[in-house]
């Protein structure tokens, strides 16, 4: 509960000051290695994997909880790092915003699994715990 309150306070401060939060390190969890969709597709073809995309907003509390609790899970990390090229994009800028518009996304967080050509297979929105995320994968 203390972590949740601290996280809410931190994100409130970010919203008030306009500061950009530093990327979250996920320890033994999911490693987001790709930096662009094109790089993800290239890597997925080379590694014969699917692509997992997390689309988030910096102000989104469920997005922060997903990063804090789900993406940091060793169980989720083992599964997604083995089977996917992982990409995390801010849905309000750059390529993330382009994907939000192209797929007509309406909520954060949104997670998409693509095949290794970049074609969407399945989409889910909202917070998921590690076990549910693995089932989604």
C-alpha atoms as a PDB file:
ATOM      1  CA  UNK A   1       0.000   0.000   0.000  1.00  0.00           C
ATOM      2  CA  UNK A   2       2.881   2.358   0.819  1.00  0.00           C
ATOM      3  CA  UNK A   3       4.403   1.702  -2.623  1.00  0.00           C
ATOM      4  CA  UNK A   4       1.093   2.518  -4.310  1.00  0.00           C
ATOM      5  CA  UNK A   5       0.748   5.799  -2.408  1.00  0.00           C
ATOM      6  CA  UNK A   6       4.365   6.708  -3.184  1.00  0.00           C
ATOM      7  CA  UNK A   7       3.833   5.903  -6.862  1.00  0.00           C
ATOM      8  CA  UNK A   8       0.681   8.036  -7.044  1.00  0.00           C
ATOM      9  CA  UNK A   9       2.489  10.939  -5.348  1.00  0.00           C
ATOM     10  CA  UNK A  10       5.441  10.594  -7.722  1.00  0.00           C
ATOM     11  CA  UNK A  11       3.239  10.638 -10.818  1.00  0.00           C
ATOM     12  CA  UNK A  12       1.258  13.591  -9.436  1.00  0.00           C
ATOM     13  CA  UNK A  13       4.545  15.466  -9.046  1.00  0.00           C
ATOM     14  CA  UNK A  14       5.496  14.545 -12.607  1.00  0.00           C
ATOM     15  CA  UNK A  15       2.178  15.903 -13.892  1.00  0.00           C
ATOM     16  CA  UNK A  16       2.494  19.123 -11.899  1.00  0.00           C
ATOM     17  CA  UNK A  17       6.123  19.856 -12.822  1.00  0.00           C
ATOM     18  CA  UNK A  18       5.988  18.480 -16.369  1.00  0.00           C
ATOM     19  CA  UNK A  19       9.094  16.416 -15.642  1.00  0.00           C
ATOM     20  CA  UNK A  20       9.618  13.231 -17.633  1.00  0.00           C
ATOM     21  CA  UNK A  21      10.005  10.099 -15.497  1.00  0.00           C
ATOM     22  CA  UNK A  22      13.130   8.017 -16.004  1.00  0.00           C
ATOM     23  CA  UNK A  23      12.632   4.631 -17.636  1.00  0.00           C
ATOM     24  CA  UNK A  24      11.822   1.861 -15.200  1.00  0.00           C
ATOM     25  CA  UNK A  25      14.355  -0.952 -14.951  1.00  0.00           C
ATOM     26  CA  UNK A  26      12.594  -4.288 -14.787  1.00  0.00           C
ATOM     27  CA  UNK A  27      15.338  -6.331 -13.105  1.00  0.00           C
ATOM     28  CA  UNK A  28      14.735 -10.016 -13.884  1.00  0.00           C
ATOM     29  CA  UNK A  29      11.487  -9.168 -15.673  1.00  0.00           C
ATOM     30  CA  UNK A  30      10.650  -8.301 -19.264  1.00  0.00           C
ATOM     31  CA  UNK A  31      13.530  -6.763 -21.231  1.00  0.00           C
ATOM     32  CA  UNK A  32      12.319  -4.196 -23.736  1.00  0.00           C
ATOM     33  CA  UNK A  33      15.182  -4.437 -26.228  1.00  0.00           C
ATOM     34  CA  UNK A  34      13.761  -3.001 -29.437  1.00  0.00           C
ATOM     35  CA  UNK A  35      13.559   0.764 -29.949  1.00  0.00           C
ATOM     36  CA  UNK A  36      11.370   0.979 -33.072  1.00  0.00           C
ATOM     37  CA  UNK A  37       8.761  -1.165 -34.744  1.00  0.00           C
ATOM     38  CA  UNK A  38      11.040  -1.637 -37.766  1.00  0.00           C
ATOM     39  CA  UNK A  39      13.839  -2.848 -35.468  1.00  0.00           C
ATOM     40  CA  UNK A  40      11.357  -5.161 -33.701  1.00  0.00           C
ATOM     41  CA  UNK A  41      10.262  -6.704 -36.997  1.00  0.00           C
ATOM     42  CA  UNK A  42      13.875  -7.202 -38.087  1.00  0.00           C
ATOM     43  CA  UNK A  43      14.807  -8.797 -34.754  1.00  0.00           C
ATOM     44  CA  UNK A  44      11.672 -10.991 -34.715  1.00  0.00           C
ATOM     45  CA  UNK A  45      12.454 -12.368 -38.173  1.00  0.00           C
ATOM     46  CA  UNK A  46      16.077 -13.082 -37.224  1.00  0.00           C
ATOM     47  CA  UNK A  47      15.135 -14.713 -33.904  1.00  0.00           C
ATOM     48  CA  UNK A  48      11.943 -16.411 -35.181  1.00  0.00           C
ATOM     49  CA  UNK A  49       9.850 -14.758 -32.473  1.00  0.00           C
ATOM     50  CA  UNK A  50       6.642 -12.752 -32.177  1.00  0.00           C
ATOM     51  CA  UNK A  51       6.577  -9.075 -31.160  1.00  0.00           C
ATOM     52  CA  UNK A  52       5.106  -7.802 -27.876  1.00  0.00           C
ATOM     53  CA  UNK A  53       4.320  -4.078 -27.743  1.00  0.00           C
ATOM     54  CA  UNK A  54       3.405  -2.135 -24.611  1.00  0.00           C
ATOM     55  CA  UNK A  55       1.797   1.217 -25.438  1.00  0.00           C
ATOM     56  CA  UNK A  56       1.601   3.475 -22.398  1.00  0.00           C
ATOM     57  CA  UNK A  57       1.100   7.083 -21.320  1.00  0.00           C
ATOM     58  CA  UNK A  58       3.348   8.763 -18.756  1.00  0.00           C
ATOM     59  CA  UNK A  59       0.347   9.966 -16.704  1.00  0.00           C
ATOM     60  CA  UNK A  60      -1.394   6.553 -16.682  1.00  0.00           C
ATOM     61  CA  UNK A  61      -1.524   4.912 -13.224  1.00  0.00           C
ATOM     62  CA  UNK A  62      -2.405   1.411 -14.545  1.00  0.00           C
ATOM     63  CA  UNK A  63       0.595   1.727 -16.920  1.00  0.00           C
ATOM     64  CA  UNK A  64       2.862   2.495 -13.975  1.00  0.00           C
ATOM     65  CA  UNK A  65       1.467  -0.436 -11.994  1.00  0.00           C
ATOM     66  CA  UNK A  66       1.986  -2.714 -15.010  1.00  0.00           C
ATOM     67  CA  UNK A  67       5.650  -1.687 -15.121  1.00  0.00           C
ATOM     68  CA  UNK A  68       6.092  -1.897 -11.351  1.00  0.00           C
ATOM     69  CA  UNK A  69       4.342  -5.218 -10.715  1.00  0.00           C
ATOM     70  CA  UNK A  70       3.849  -7.183 -13.933  1.00  0.00           C
ATOM     71  CA  UNK A  71       6.796  -6.370 -16.178  1.00  0.00           C
ATOM     72  CA  UNK A  72       9.202  -6.802 -13.254  1.00  0.00           C
ATOM     73  CA  UNK A  73       7.966 -10.350 -12.567  1.00  0.00           C
ATOM     74  CA  UNK A  74      10.646 -12.988 -13.211  1.00  0.00           C
ATOM     75  CA  UNK A  75       7.963 -15.394 -14.414  1.00  0.00           C
ATOM     76  CA  UNK A  76       6.659 -12.884 -16.988  1.00  0.00           C
ATOM     77  CA  UNK A  77      10.228 -11.943 -17.916  1.00  0.00           C
ATOM     78  CA  UNK A  78      11.254 -15.547 -18.523  1.00  0.00           C
ATOM     79  CA  UNK A  79       8.236 -16.154 -20.776  1.00  0.00           C
ATOM     80  CA  UNK A  80       8.310 -12.906 -22.770  1.00  0.00           C
ATOM     81  CA  UNK A  81      12.092 -12.705 -23.147  1.00  0.00           C
ATOM     82  CA  UNK A  82      12.146 -16.271 -24.498  1.00  0.00           C
ATOM     83  CA  UNK A  83       9.249 -15.928 -26.943  1.00  0.00           C
ATOM     84  CA  UNK A  84       9.013 -12.271 -27.979  1.00  0.00           C
ATOM     85  CA  UNK A  85      10.911  -9.229 -29.123  1.00  0.00           C
ATOM     86  CA  UNK A  86       9.637  -6.657 -26.599  1.00  0.00           C
ATOM     87  CA  UNK A  87       8.939  -3.016 -27.437  1.00  0.00           C
ATOM     88  CA  UNK A  88       7.550  -0.288 -25.144  1.00  0.00           C
ATOM     89  CA  UNK A  89       6.281   2.962 -26.673  1.00  0.00           C
ATOM     90  CA  UNK A  90       4.786   6.165 -25.308  1.00  0.00           C
ATOM     91  CA  UNK A  91       1.378   6.394 -27.000  1.00  0.00           C
ATOM     92  CA  UNK A  92       1.420  10.175 -26.959  1.00  0.00           C
ATOM     93  CA  UNK A  93       4.506  10.809 -29.066  1.00  0.00           C
ATOM     94  CA  UNK A  94       6.476   9.550 -32.038  1.00  0.00           C
ATOM     95  CA  UNK A  95       5.940   6.036 -33.247  1.00  0.00           C
ATOM     96  CA  UNK A  96       3.698   5.213 -30.269  1.00  0.00           C
ATOM     97  CA  UNK A  97       1.266   7.973 -31.303  1.00  0.00           C
ATOM     98  CA  UNK A  98       1.361   6.685 -34.889  1.00  0.00           C
ATOM     99  CA  UNK A  99       0.349   3.211 -33.679  1.00  0.00           C
ATOM    100  CA  UNK A 100      -2.424   4.640 -31.482  1.00  0.00           C
ATOM    101  CA  UNK A 101      -3.851   6.403 -34.542  1.00  0.00           C
ATOM    102  CA  UNK A 102      -3.319   3.483 -36.947  1.00  0.00           C
ATOM    103  CA  UNK A 103      -4.976   0.935 -34.641  1.00  0.00           C
ATOM    104  CA  UNK A 104      -7.533   3.450 -33.279  1.00  0.00           C
ATOM    105  CA  UNK A 105      -6.565   2.634 -29.691  1.00  0.00           C
ATOM    106  CA  UNK A 106      -8.769   4.117 -26.985  1.00  0.00           C
ATOM    107  CA  UNK A 107      -7.139   3.206 -23.667  1.00  0.00           C
ATOM    108  CA  UNK A 108      -3.816   2.901 -21.865  1.00  0.00           C
ATOM    109  CA  UNK A 109      -2.081   0.622 -21.339  1.00  0.00           C
ATOM    110  CA  UNK A 110      -2.634  -1.300 -24.557  1.00  0.00           C
ATOM    111  CA  UNK A 111      -0.602  -4.387 -25.315  1.00  0.00           C
ATOM    112  CA  UNK A 112      -0.367  -5.834 -28.802  1.00  0.00           C
ATOM    113  CA  UNK A 113       1.160  -9.039 -30.101  1.00  0.00           C
ATOM    114  CA  UNK A 114       2.307  -8.930 -33.711  1.00  0.00           C
ATOM    115  CA  UNK A 115       3.644 -11.658 -35.961  1.00  0.00           C
ATOM    116  CA  UNK A 116       7.181 -11.233 -37.299  1.00  0.00           C
ATOM    117  CA  UNK A 117       5.899  -9.305 -40.331  1.00  0.00           C
ATOM    118  CA  UNK A 118       4.263  -6.663 -38.133  1.00  0.00           C
ATOM    119  CA  UNK A 119       0.677  -7.875 -38.530  1.00  0.00           C
ATOM    120  CA  UNK A 120      -1.435  -7.677 -35.316  1.00  0.00           C
ATOM    121  CA  UNK A 121      -2.517 -11.004 -33.831  1.00  0.00           C
ATOM    122  CA  UNK A 122      -4.184  -9.986 -30.554  1.00  0.00           C
ATOM    123  CA  UNK A 123      -4.741  -6.820 -28.488  1.00  0.00           C
ATOM    124  CA  UNK A 124      -5.615  -6.248 -24.835  1.00  0.00           C
ATOM    125  CA  UNK A 125      -6.121  -3.097 -22.780  1.00  0.00           C
ATOM    126  CA  UNK A 126      -5.772  -2.292 -19.106  1.00  0.00           C
ATOM    127  CA  UNK A 127      -3.744  -3.622 -16.218  1.00  0.00           C
ATOM    128  CA  UNK A 128      -2.908  -7.353 -16.188  1.00  0.00           C
ATOM    129  CA  UNK A 129      -1.126  -9.314 -13.487  1.00  0.00           C
ATOM    130  CA  UNK A 130       1.841 -11.495 -14.520  1.00  0.00           C
ATOM    131  CA  UNK A 131      -0.157 -14.732 -14.836  1.00  0.00           C
ATOM    132  CA  UNK A 132      -2.849 -13.083 -16.964  1.00  0.00           C
ATOM    133  CA  UNK A 133      -0.218 -11.421 -19.149  1.00  0.00           C
ATOM    134  CA  UNK A 134       1.448 -14.797 -19.736  1.00  0.00           C
ATOM    135  CA  UNK A 135      -1.938 -16.302 -20.700  1.00  0.00           C
ATOM    136  CA  UNK A 136      -2.405 -13.375 -23.102  1.00  0.00           C
ATOM    137  CA  UNK A 137       1.020 -14.155 -24.600  1.00  0.00           C
END
